[in-house]
Amino acid sequence: MTAREAKARPRRRRPARESAGGGKRNVDYRRLRNPFPPVPVFSSDEVAALHDAALQVLEELGMKVLLPEARAIFATGGAEVDDAEQLVRIGRDIVEAALASAPPSVPMKAGARHRDLVLELGAVTIQSGGGAPHATDLERGRRPATIADFRELVRITQQFDVLHMLNPLVEPQDVLVHLRHYAVTEAQLTLSDKVPFIFSRGSPQVRDAFAMIRDYRGLSQDDFEAESHCFTIINTNSPRQLDIPMAQGLIDFARHGQLSIVTPFCLMGAMAPVTVAGALVLSHAEALAAIALTQLARPGAPVLYGAFASNVDMKSGAPAFGTPEQVKANLGAGQLARFIGLPWRCAAGCAANINDAQAAHETQMSAWGALLGGCTVMLHAAGWLEGGLTVSYEKFITDLEAMQIFAELCAPTPAGEADLALDALREVAPGGHFFAAAHTMERYQSAFYEPIVADWSNFGTWTERGAVDANHRATGIWQSLLETADPHPIDQAKAEALSAFIERRSAEGGAPPES
């Protein structure tokens, strides 16, 4: 049986419905709260020592900051700046002041009010894999990603409430970099009502994207800057370096009231010390430096702490994910985030080359580390392959199964009188079964989670249906989603104005990235 023949009606979050066997199943994946107590990997004294070691790094070793404007801001804030070496030494008093002014809760305004979010400790928001230069699926193979791929993945993302925010997904290689931000931002605004992602590749691109969001949402400049309507990811260049576009992004987003998610990417044994604790000291120091810059640029600016640390394969130098070291780093980063009192971003991850058992367990192990670490935002939770080089359409769907199960675990588990099922226990004799019990008949259609892609039939039934594996079932699902999903409603006048803006700015030369 071909992948196309394996298509099934896509099963996303099951809508509320009336039924003789269960009435309504009301499951809301849009605003999740983490029910799990955070799991520690360090003692409280060790967490304090990690934080103190990071402050020593900033005071004694400093950060190399390539952007002159950023160094000037640090200098005005009291940091010791060596312009010749581009080195900034940041005192702990500056860091403490920044942590005091950074908001512990960040409201995010989406394109529709039911998509609004509040990013804070205890909340859980999930994003798919992002930033890959390649896309792959079983029908079209692995290929350089295109804007058509990006648009398809945005449309799929829109269909699943468990994916709360948009992100870079794939980098469209068929759109030149000085024009790419137009195509990507336009796709997010017209194909989805979720919170969009904006590239930080210099002020001209950021200004363009802000203007597109502001005008498409019908906001004044003051209204736009009063609340966060988009976000960016800021990666430091480990070890201890902040490059020009990332530093400029921190400043621009802070001054305009938009969210920066600061995320050092520390690979143990490569760009970070080989120990979990040493990697976290470096990651924590870099994150604190970037957070300090946002608060010096605009006190109270929205910013999230972030950490994304794993180890490398010491035989090849290739990144590894889903490892015990990554899980421990995720748990430790959560302890540091709670120590400083800020919401934080973590990530799942996968180094596998195809959507196989390795890919599944790497993503799920790293995702468990993020969830049990108490992350506020979990990135790369669906579709990520090859350490971020590729997004797989099939893995996108199979990972969503795991993410929806996580979401179900976040929902309360009722234990009222009816849920204790004493009437059913009285009705069924020893050695009997509960299939026909009144308690079961009243609830059977809404009692359990309904899978997206899993096949729970027995071997004989599965064989009779064509012996289709999960990968090919996933192909049928994403294809069906793209063919049958209702188009996202748009305001035609605003869409035309957006197109006119892009046409005008493109004719003016676009916005080359700054470096």
Protein backbone atom coordinates (compact mmCIF):
# COMPACT_ATOMS: atom_id res chain seq x y z
CA MET A 1 0.00 0.00 0.00
CA THR A 2 1.36 3.42 -0.92
CA ALA A 3 1.61 6.35 1.46
CA ARG A 4 -1.20 8.11 -0.36
CA GLU A 5 -3.41 5.03 -0.07
CA ALA A 6 -2.66 4.99 3.65
CA LYS A 7 -4.33 8.36 4.18
CA ALA A 8 -6.66 8.59 7.09
CA ARG A 9 -8.89 11.37 8.21
CA PRO A 10 -6.50 13.45 10.30
CA ARG A 11 -7.18 13.17 13.99
CA ARG A 12 -6.08 16.22 15.91
CA ARG A 13 -7.36 17.41 19.26
CA ARG A 14 -10.78 15.79 19.46
CA PRO A 15 -13.48 18.48 19.50
CA ALA A 16 -16.20 18.55 22.08
CA ARG A 17 -19.09 16.41 20.93
CA GLU A 18 -22.37 15.01 22.12
CA SER A 19 -22.43 11.25 22.39
CA ALA A 20 -24.50 8.53 23.97
CA GLY A 21 -21.22 7.06 25.17
CA GLY A 22 -19.68 10.03 26.89
CA GLY A 23 -21.28 13.37 26.21
CA LYS A 24 -18.60 15.97 25.65
CA ARG A 25 -14.86 15.46 25.69
CA ASN A 26 -13.46 18.89 26.42
CA VAL A 27 -9.69 18.97 26.10
CA ASP A 28 -7.97 22.32 25.87
CA TYR A 29 -4.35 22.16 24.76
CA ARG A 30 -4.03 25.91 24.29
CA ARG A 31 -2.85 26.92 27.77
CA LEU A 32 -1.02 24.14 29.55
CA ARG A 33 0.21 24.10 33.14
CA ASN A 34 2.96 21.71 34.17
CA PRO A 35 1.60 19.28 36.80
CA PHE A 36 4.97 17.69 37.57
CA PRO A 37 7.14 18.82 40.46
CA PRO A 38 10.49 19.94 39.01
CA VAL A 39 13.14 17.23 39.22
CA PRO A 40 16.48 18.40 40.65
CA VAL A 41 19.85 17.15 39.50
CA PHE A 42 21.86 19.43 41.82
CA SER A 43 21.44 20.33 45.49
CA SER A 44 20.39 23.85 46.38
CA ASP A 45 23.95 24.63 47.49
CA GLU A 46 25.27 23.36 44.13
CA VAL A 47 22.81 25.54 42.21
CA ALA A 48 23.98 28.58 44.17
CA ALA A 49 27.58 27.60 43.40
CA LEU A 50 26.79 27.30 39.68
CA HIS A 51 25.23 30.76 39.70
CA ASP A 52 28.18 32.23 41.59
CA ALA A 53 30.65 30.60 39.20
CA ALA A 54 28.79 32.15 36.24
CA LEU A 55 29.01 35.58 37.90
CA GLN A 56 32.75 35.04 38.35
CA VAL A 57 33.04 34.25 34.65
CA LEU A 58 31.32 37.53 33.75
CA GLU A 59 33.34 39.59 36.25
CA GLU A 60 36.77 38.09 35.67
CA LEU A 61 36.75 36.67 32.12
CA GLY A 62 34.00 38.72 30.52
CA MET A 63 32.11 38.40 27.24
CA LYS A 64 33.39 39.37 23.80
CA VAL A 65 30.71 41.69 22.40
CA LEU A 66 31.21 42.54 18.74
CA LEU A 67 28.60 45.32 18.43
CA PRO A 68 29.97 48.76 19.43
CA GLU A 69 26.50 50.01 20.43
CA ALA A 70 26.09 47.07 22.81
CA ARG A 71 29.49 47.74 24.39
CA ALA A 72 28.51 51.39 24.84
CA ILE A 73 25.27 50.36 26.57
CA PHE A 74 27.22 48.06 28.90
CA ALA A 75 29.71 50.84 29.63
CA THR A 76 26.92 53.29 30.48
CA GLY A 77 25.48 50.64 32.79
CA GLY A 78 28.76 50.39 34.70
CA ALA A 79 30.47 47.43 33.04
CA GLU A 80 34.22 47.42 32.40
CA VAL A 81 34.67 47.68 28.64
CA ASP A 82 37.83 47.13 26.60
CA ASP A 83 36.95 48.34 23.09
CA ALA A 84 40.29 47.24 21.64
CA GLU A 85 39.65 43.64 22.70
CA GLN A 86 35.84 44.01 22.35
CA LEU A 87 35.66 42.57 25.87
CA VAL A 88 33.00 43.43 28.44
CA ARG A 89 33.35 42.49 32.11
CA ILE A 90 29.99 42.63 33.84
CA GLY A 91 29.75 43.07 37.59
CA ARG A 92 27.30 41.04 39.62
CA ASP A 93 25.53 44.23 40.68
CA ILE A 94 24.60 44.81 37.01
CA VAL A 95 23.31 41.25 36.71
CA GLU A 96 21.32 41.50 39.94
CA ALA A 97 19.69 44.73 38.79
CA ALA A 98 18.81 43.15 35.45
CA LEU A 99 17.23 40.14 37.11
CA ALA A 100 15.23 42.45 39.34
CA SER A 101 13.80 44.38 36.38
CA ALA A 102 13.22 41.48 33.97
CA PRO A 103 9.53 40.49 34.16
CA PRO A 104 8.73 37.08 35.70
CA SER A 105 5.64 36.81 33.50
CA VAL A 106 5.41 37.75 29.81
CA PRO A 107 1.98 38.06 28.12
CA MET A 108 2.10 37.34 24.38
CA LYS A 109 -0.53 38.70 22.01
CA ALA A 110 -1.39 36.47 19.07
CA GLY A 111 -3.53 37.13 16.03
CA ALA A 112 -6.62 35.88 17.86
CA ARG A 113 -7.39 36.21 21.55
CA HIS A 114 -7.78 32.48 22.11
CA ARG A 115 -4.16 32.10 20.97
CA ASP A 116 -2.78 34.60 23.50
CA LEU A 117 -0.24 33.17 25.94
CA VAL A 118 1.34 34.01 29.25
CA LEU A 119 4.94 32.82 29.52
CA GLU A 120 5.86 32.22 33.15
CA LEU A 121 7.23 29.49 35.36
CA GLY A 122 4.64 26.71 35.56
CA ALA A 123 3.24 27.32 32.07
CA VAL A 124 4.16 25.00 29.19
CA THR A 125 4.26 26.10 25.56
CA ILE A 126 5.48 23.86 22.77
CA GLN A 127 7.02 24.62 19.40
CA SER A 128 8.03 22.43 16.48
CA GLY A 129 11.54 21.99 15.15
CA GLY A 130 12.94 25.18 13.70
CA GLY A 131 15.63 26.72 11.54
CA ALA A 132 16.48 23.71 9.38
CA PRO A 133 17.97 24.32 5.92
CA HIS A 134 16.42 21.08 4.60
CA ALA A 135 12.99 19.47 4.50
CA THR A 136 12.20 15.82 3.92
CA ASP A 137 9.22 13.52 3.45
CA LEU A 138 8.69 10.04 2.06
CA GLU A 139 7.21 11.26 -1.22
CA ARG A 140 9.59 14.07 -2.20
CA GLY A 141 12.76 13.05 -0.38
CA ARG A 142 15.36 15.19 1.38
CA ARG A 143 15.83 18.57 -0.29
CA PRO A 144 16.86 22.17 0.31
CA ALA A 145 13.88 23.75 1.99
CA THR A 146 11.69 26.13 -0.01
CA ILE A 147 9.12 28.77 0.84
CA ALA A 148 6.48 26.26 -0.29
CA ASP A 149 7.75 23.87 2.42
CA PHE A 150 7.65 26.66 4.98
CA ARG A 151 4.08 27.56 4.06
CA GLU A 152 2.97 23.92 4.22
CA LEU A 153 4.51 23.48 7.68
CA VAL A 154 2.86 26.68 8.93
CA ARG A 155 -0.49 25.35 7.71
CA ILE A 156 0.08 22.05 9.51
CA THR A 157 1.16 23.86 12.67
CA GLN A 158 -2.03 25.89 12.61
CA GLN A 159 -4.12 22.70 12.85
CA PHE A 160 -2.66 21.55 16.18
CA ASP A 161 -3.43 23.40 19.39
CA VAL A 162 -0.53 21.67 21.14
CA LEU A 163 1.87 23.78 19.05
CA HIS A 164 1.36 27.14 20.71
CA MET A 165 3.72 29.45 18.82
CA LEU A 166 5.20 29.59 15.34
CA ASN A 167 8.92 29.39 14.73
CA PRO A 168 11.45 29.36 11.86
CA LEU A 169 10.49 25.76 10.88
CA VAL A 170 12.68 25.57 7.76
CA GLU A 171 14.85 28.21 6.11
CA PRO A 172 13.55 28.77 2.54
CA GLN A 173 16.68 28.36 0.43
CA ASP A 174 14.88 29.56 -2.70
CA VAL A 175 14.36 33.06 -1.24
CA LEU A 176 17.39 35.34 -0.97
CA VAL A 177 18.33 36.28 2.58
CA HIS A 178 17.68 40.00 2.08
CA LEU A 179 14.09 39.15 1.07
CA ARG A 180 13.48 35.99 3.11
CA HIS A 181 12.06 37.80 6.15
CA TYR A 182 9.25 39.20 3.99
CA ALA A 183 8.17 35.78 2.72
CA VAL A 184 8.43 34.12 6.13
CA THR A 185 6.60 36.86 8.03
CA GLU A 186 3.87 37.10 5.38
CA ALA A 187 3.28 33.33 5.58
CA GLN A 188 2.98 33.41 9.36
CA LEU A 189 0.53 36.32 9.36
CA THR A 190 -1.75 35.06 6.59
CA LEU A 191 -1.71 31.31 7.30
CA SER A 192 -1.93 31.29 11.10
CA ASP A 193 -3.20 33.27 14.07
CA LYS A 194 -0.48 32.07 16.45
CA VAL A 195 2.36 34.16 17.87
CA PRO A 196 4.93 34.67 15.08
CA PHE A 197 8.72 34.37 15.11
CA ILE A 198 10.96 37.13 13.75
CA PHE A 199 14.56 36.76 12.56
CA SER A 200 17.22 38.89 14.27
CA ARG A 201 19.49 39.60 11.33
CA GLY A 202 20.00 43.29 11.81
CA SER A 203 17.83 46.33 12.49
CA PRO A 204 16.52 46.83 8.92
CA GLN A 205 15.00 43.33 8.80
CA VAL A 206 13.62 43.65 12.32
CA ARG A 207 12.02 47.04 11.51
CA ASP A 208 10.41 45.56 8.40
CA ALA A 209 8.97 42.63 10.32
CA PHE A 210 7.70 44.82 13.14
CA ALA A 211 5.97 47.09 10.62
CA MET A 212 4.36 44.11 8.90
CA ILE A 213 2.96 42.75 12.16
CA ARG A 214 1.90 46.17 13.44
CA ASP A 215 0.00 47.11 10.29
CA TYR A 216 -1.50 43.68 9.67
CA ARG A 217 -2.78 43.56 13.26
CA GLY A 218 -4.15 47.11 12.91
CA LEU A 219 -2.05 48.53 15.75
CA SER A 220 -0.58 51.96 16.37
CA GLN A 221 3.14 52.11 17.09
CA ASP A 222 2.41 52.79 20.77
CA ASP A 223 0.01 49.84 20.98
CA PHE A 224 2.53 47.59 19.29
CA GLU A 225 5.30 48.51 21.73
CA ALA A 226 3.03 48.27 24.78
CA GLU A 227 2.68 44.48 24.44
CA SER A 228 4.68 41.61 22.95
CA HIS A 229 3.30 40.49 19.57
CA CYS A 230 6.27 38.41 18.38
CA PHE A 231 9.52 36.87 19.56
CA THR A 232 13.03 36.11 18.43
CA ILE A 233 15.64 33.55 19.42
CA ILE A 234 19.01 34.95 20.46
CA ASN A 235 21.90 32.47 20.34
CA THR A 236 25.22 33.38 21.85
CA ASN A 237 28.38 32.18 20.11
CA SER A 238 29.74 29.88 22.78
CA PRO A 239 32.15 30.24 24.37
CA ARG A 240 31.61 33.80 25.66
CA GLN A 241 30.83 35.74 22.52
CA LEU A 242 27.86 37.82 21.39
CA ASP A 243 27.90 38.66 17.70
CA ILE A 244 26.58 41.74 15.93
CA PRO A 245 23.11 40.63 14.74
CA MET A 246 22.32 38.87 18.02
CA ALA A 247 23.38 41.85 20.15
CA GLN A 248 21.45 44.20 17.85
CA GLY A 249 18.43 41.93 18.12
CA LEU A 250 18.51 42.08 21.91
CA ILE A 251 18.59 45.87 21.78
CA ASP A 252 15.94 46.28 19.07
CA PHE A 253 13.48 43.83 20.60
CA ALA A 254 13.94 45.31 24.08
CA ARG A 255 13.42 48.90 22.92
CA HIS A 256 10.24 47.95 21.04
CA GLY A 257 8.77 45.82 23.82
CA GLN A 258 9.04 42.51 21.95
CA LEU A 259 10.27 39.23 23.41
CA SER A 260 13.82 37.93 23.19
CA ILE A 261 14.40 34.30 24.12
CA VAL A 262 18.08 34.08 25.05
CA THR A 263 19.54 30.66 24.31
CA PRO A 264 23.21 29.75 24.50
CA PHE A 265 23.88 26.55 22.53
CA CYS A 266 26.56 24.74 24.51
CA LEU A 267 27.82 21.39 23.28
CA MET A 268 29.82 19.69 26.01
CA GLY A 269 33.32 18.86 24.88
CA ALA A 270 33.16 21.24 21.90
CA MET A 271 31.98 24.80 22.62
CA ALA A 272 31.59 24.15 26.37
CA PRO A 273 33.37 22.24 29.12
CA VAL A 274 32.98 18.48 28.97
CA THR A 275 31.10 18.27 32.29
CA VAL A 276 27.40 19.01 32.74
CA ALA A 277 28.13 21.46 35.55
CA GLY A 278 30.85 23.25 33.57
CA ALA A 279 28.62 23.56 30.50
CA LEU A 280 25.84 25.02 32.63
CA VAL A 281 28.19 27.56 34.20
CA LEU A 282 29.11 28.79 30.72
CA SER A 283 25.53 28.71 29.44
CA HIS A 284 24.26 30.53 32.54
CA ALA A 285 26.93 33.22 32.26
CA GLU A 286 26.15 33.88 28.60
CA ALA A 287 22.41 34.01 29.26
CA LEU A 288 22.86 36.43 32.15
CA ALA A 289 25.02 38.71 29.99
CA ALA A 290 22.39 38.84 27.26
CA ILE A 291 19.56 39.40 29.76
CA ALA A 292 21.57 42.25 31.27
CA LEU A 293 21.89 43.90 27.86
CA THR A 294 18.11 43.83 27.35
CA GLN A 295 17.49 45.45 30.71
CA LEU A 296 20.16 48.10 30.21
CA ALA A 297 18.56 48.91 26.84
CA ARG A 298 15.07 49.11 28.37
CA PRO A 299 14.39 48.15 32.00
CA GLY A 300 11.44 45.79 32.20
CA ALA A 301 11.85 44.57 28.61
CA PRO A 302 10.39 41.09 28.06
CA VAL A 303 13.07 38.41 28.00
CA LEU A 304 13.24 34.68 28.63
CA TYR A 305 16.17 32.82 30.09
CA GLY A 306 17.20 29.93 27.85
CA ALA A 307 19.45 26.91 27.80
CA PHE A 308 20.16 24.29 25.16
CA ALA A 309 23.06 22.10 26.19
CA SER A 310 23.99 18.61 25.12
CA ASN A 311 27.14 16.67 24.42
CA VAL A 312 29.00 15.69 21.28
CA ASP A 313 30.06 12.29 20.05
CA MET A 314 33.73 12.40 21.04
CA LYS A 315 34.59 10.03 18.20
CA SER A 316 33.29 12.34 15.47
CA GLY A 317 32.53 15.71 17.08
CA ALA A 318 28.91 15.47 15.90
CA PRO A 319 26.14 16.75 18.22
CA ALA A 320 24.25 14.11 20.20
CA PHE A 321 20.74 14.52 21.60
CA GLY A 322 18.46 12.61 23.91
CA THR A 323 21.52 11.60 25.92
CA PRO A 324 21.66 11.30 29.72
CA GLU A 325 23.88 14.37 29.72
CA GLN A 326 21.31 16.43 27.82
CA VAL A 327 18.53 15.35 30.17
CA LYS A 328 20.66 16.28 33.19
CA ALA A 329 21.56 19.62 31.61
CA ASN A 330 17.85 20.32 31.00
CA LEU A 331 17.03 19.54 34.64
CA GLY A 332 19.92 21.67 35.88
CA ALA A 333 18.99 24.60 33.64
CA GLY A 334 15.50 24.49 35.11
CA GLN A 335 16.98 24.76 38.59
CA LEU A 336 19.00 27.81 37.52
CA ALA A 337 15.93 29.42 35.92
CA ARG A 338 13.95 29.00 39.13
CA PHE A 339 16.94 30.30 41.13
CA ILE A 340 16.84 33.59 39.21
CA GLY A 341 13.03 33.57 38.99
CA LEU A 342 12.57 33.86 35.22
CA PRO A 343 10.53 31.86 32.70
CA TRP A 344 12.80 29.85 30.47
CA ARG A 345 13.20 28.09 27.17
CA CYS A 346 14.54 24.58 26.76
CA ALA A 347 14.35 22.11 23.88
CA ALA A 348 13.96 18.56 22.77
CA GLY A 349 16.46 17.32 20.21
CA CYS A 350 17.31 14.55 17.79
CA ALA A 351 20.48 13.59 15.95
CA ALA A 352 18.97 10.69 13.99
CA ASN A 353 19.05 10.90 10.20
CA ILE A 354 15.60 9.41 9.54
CA ASN A 355 12.34 9.09 11.43
CA ASP A 356 13.10 5.81 13.16
CA ALA A 357 13.23 4.41 16.70
CA GLN A 358 16.40 6.38 17.46
CA ALA A 359 14.68 9.59 16.39
CA ALA A 360 11.65 8.88 18.57
CA HIS A 361 13.53 8.03 21.74
CA GLU A 362 15.99 10.92 21.40
CA THR A 363 13.20 13.45 21.04
CA GLN A 364 11.12 11.97 23.82
CA MET A 365 13.99 11.60 26.30
CA SER A 366 15.14 15.17 25.77
CA ALA A 367 11.53 16.40 25.90
CA TRP A 368 11.02 14.65 29.22
CA GLY A 369 14.13 16.42 30.52
CA ALA A 370 12.67 19.76 29.46
CA LEU A 371 9.24 19.03 30.91
CA LEU A 372 10.53 17.67 34.21
CA GLY A 373 12.95 20.61 34.34
CA GLY A 374 9.91 22.90 34.35
CA CYS A 375 10.55 24.66 31.04
CA THR A 376 8.17 27.42 29.94
CA VAL A 377 8.91 27.00 26.22
CA MET A 378 9.95 23.70 24.63
CA LEU A 379 11.44 24.14 21.17
CA HIS A 380 12.25 21.50 18.51
CA ALA A 381 9.54 19.20 19.83
CA ALA A 382 8.20 18.05 16.45
CA GLY A 383 9.91 17.18 13.19
CA TRP A 384 13.57 17.84 14.03
CA LEU A 385 16.16 15.51 12.47
CA GLU A 386 19.95 15.52 11.98
CA GLY A 387 20.59 17.85 14.89
CA GLY A 388 18.52 20.57 13.26
CA LEU A 389 19.61 20.23 9.64
CA THR A 390 16.25 18.82 8.51
CA VAL A 391 12.57 18.95 9.39
CA SER A 392 10.71 15.76 8.51
CA TYR A 393 7.02 15.94 7.68
CA GLU A 394 6.50 12.39 8.96
CA LYS A 395 8.38 13.03 12.19
CA PHE A 396 6.37 16.21 12.60
CA ILE A 397 3.23 14.07 12.81
CA THR A 398 4.65 11.21 14.91
CA ASP A 399 6.21 13.66 17.38
CA LEU A 400 2.88 15.44 17.72
CA GLU A 401 1.50 12.20 19.10
CA ALA A 402 3.99 12.43 21.96
CA MET A 403 3.34 16.13 22.47
CA GLN A 404 -0.41 15.61 22.68
CA ILE A 405 0.17 12.89 25.25
CA PHE A 406 2.28 15.35 27.24
CA ALA A 407 -0.61 17.80 26.96
CA GLU A 408 -3.04 15.16 28.22
CA LEU A 409 -0.74 14.58 31.20
CA CYS A 410 -1.01 18.29 31.97
CA ALA A 411 -4.80 18.03 32.24
CA PRO A 412 -6.38 17.33 35.66
CA THR A 413 -7.33 13.73 36.41
CA PRO A 414 -10.83 13.76 37.94
CA ALA A 415 -11.38 11.76 41.12
CA GLY A 416 -14.90 12.74 42.07
CA GLU A 417 -17.55 10.34 43.30
CA ALA A 418 -18.55 9.23 39.80
CA ASP A 419 -14.92 8.74 38.80
CA LEU A 420 -14.31 6.36 41.70
CA ALA A 421 -16.71 4.00 39.89
CA LEU A 422 -18.13 2.24 42.94
CA ASP A 423 -21.40 1.56 41.06
CA ALA A 424 -19.44 -0.21 38.33
CA LEU A 425 -17.49 -2.20 40.89
CA ARG A 426 -20.77 -3.27 42.48
CA GLU A 427 -22.27 -4.17 39.08
CA VAL A 428 -19.45 -6.40 37.81
CA ALA A 429 -18.99 -9.72 39.54
CA PRO A 430 -15.56 -11.17 40.30
CA GLY A 431 -14.00 -12.50 37.11
CA GLY A 432 -16.34 -10.44 34.92
CA HIS A 433 -15.62 -7.51 32.62
CA PHE A 434 -16.54 -3.84 32.43
CA PHE A 435 -17.26 -3.55 28.69
CA ALA A 436 -21.03 -3.50 29.15
CA ALA A 437 -21.16 -1.86 32.58
CA ALA A 438 -23.42 1.19 32.74
CA HIS A 439 -20.47 3.30 33.91
CA THR A 440 -18.51 2.28 30.79
CA MET A 441 -21.42 2.72 28.39
CA GLU A 442 -21.96 6.27 29.65
CA ARG A 443 -18.33 7.24 29.01
CA TYR A 444 -16.65 4.96 26.49
CA GLN A 445 -16.55 7.38 23.55
CA SER A 446 -14.92 10.18 25.50
CA ALA A 447 -12.95 8.37 28.21
CA PHE A 448 -9.60 8.01 26.44
CA TYR A 449 -7.22 9.99 24.29
CA GLU A 450 -7.70 9.30 20.58
CA PRO A 451 -4.34 8.95 18.77
CA ILE A 452 -3.24 10.84 15.71
CA VAL A 453 -1.09 8.20 14.08
CA ALA A 454 -0.84 5.21 16.41
CA ASP A 455 -2.58 2.00 15.25
CA TRP A 456 -3.95 -0.04 18.13
CA SER A 457 -5.38 -2.88 16.03
CA ASN A 458 -4.06 -6.42 16.45
CA PHE A 459 -1.56 -7.96 14.06
CA GLY A 460 -4.17 -9.72 11.95
CA THR A 461 -6.30 -6.62 11.45
CA TRP A 462 -3.23 -4.46 10.81
CA THR A 463 -2.02 -6.95 8.20
CA GLU A 464 -5.40 -7.07 6.47
CA ARG A 465 -5.37 -3.27 6.24
CA GLY A 466 -2.08 -3.32 4.35
CA ALA A 467 0.53 -3.57 7.14
CA VAL A 468 1.16 0.19 6.95
CA ASP A 469 3.85 1.41 9.35
CA ALA A 470 3.69 4.61 11.38
CA ASN A 471 5.87 6.55 8.91
CA HIS A 472 3.53 5.89 6.00
CA ARG A 473 0.45 6.52 8.12
CA ALA A 474 2.02 9.89 9.01
CA THR A 475 2.51 10.65 5.31
CA GLY A 476 -1.17 10.09 4.68
CA ILE A 477 -2.08 12.34 7.58
CA TRP A 478 0.02 15.36 6.60
CA GLN A 479 -1.12 15.05 3.00
CA SER A 480 -4.74 14.91 4.08
CA LEU A 481 -4.25 17.92 6.33
CA LEU A 482 -2.89 20.00 3.46
CA GLU A 483 -5.65 18.86 1.10
CA THR A 484 -8.67 19.17 3.37
CA ALA A 485 -7.89 21.80 6.02
CA ASP A 486 -9.98 24.93 5.74
CA PRO A 487 -7.91 27.94 4.73
CA HIS A 488 -7.07 30.35 7.51
CA PRO A 489 -9.45 33.33 7.21
CA ILE A 490 -7.76 36.59 6.32
CA ASP A 491 -8.75 40.22 5.95
CA GLN A 492 -8.31 40.74 2.21
CA ALA A 493 -7.63 44.47 2.51
CA LYS A 494 -4.90 43.87 5.09
CA ALA A 495 -3.41 41.06 2.99
CA GLU A 496 -3.27 43.35 -0.04
CA ALA A 497 -1.63 46.09 2.02
CA LEU A 498 0.90 43.54 3.29
CA SER A 499 1.70 42.47 -0.27
CA ALA A 500 2.09 46.09 -1.33
CA PHE A 501 4.53 46.72 1.53
CA ILE A 502 6.61 43.69 0.54
CA GLU A 503 6.59 44.70 -3.12
CA ARG A 504 7.70 48.24 -2.28
CA ARG A 505 10.45 47.19 0.13
CA SER A 506 11.70 44.51 -2.25
CA ALA A 507 11.93 47.06 -5.06
CA GLU A 508 13.94 49.27 -2.71
CA GLY A 509 16.47 46.48 -2.27
CA GLY A 510 15.04 44.65 0.70
CA ALA A 511 17.08 44.47 3.89
CA PRO A 512 20.47 42.76 3.72
CA PRO A 513 21.43 41.06 6.99
CA GLU A 514 23.95 42.82 9.18
CA SER A 515 27.08 41.06 10.37
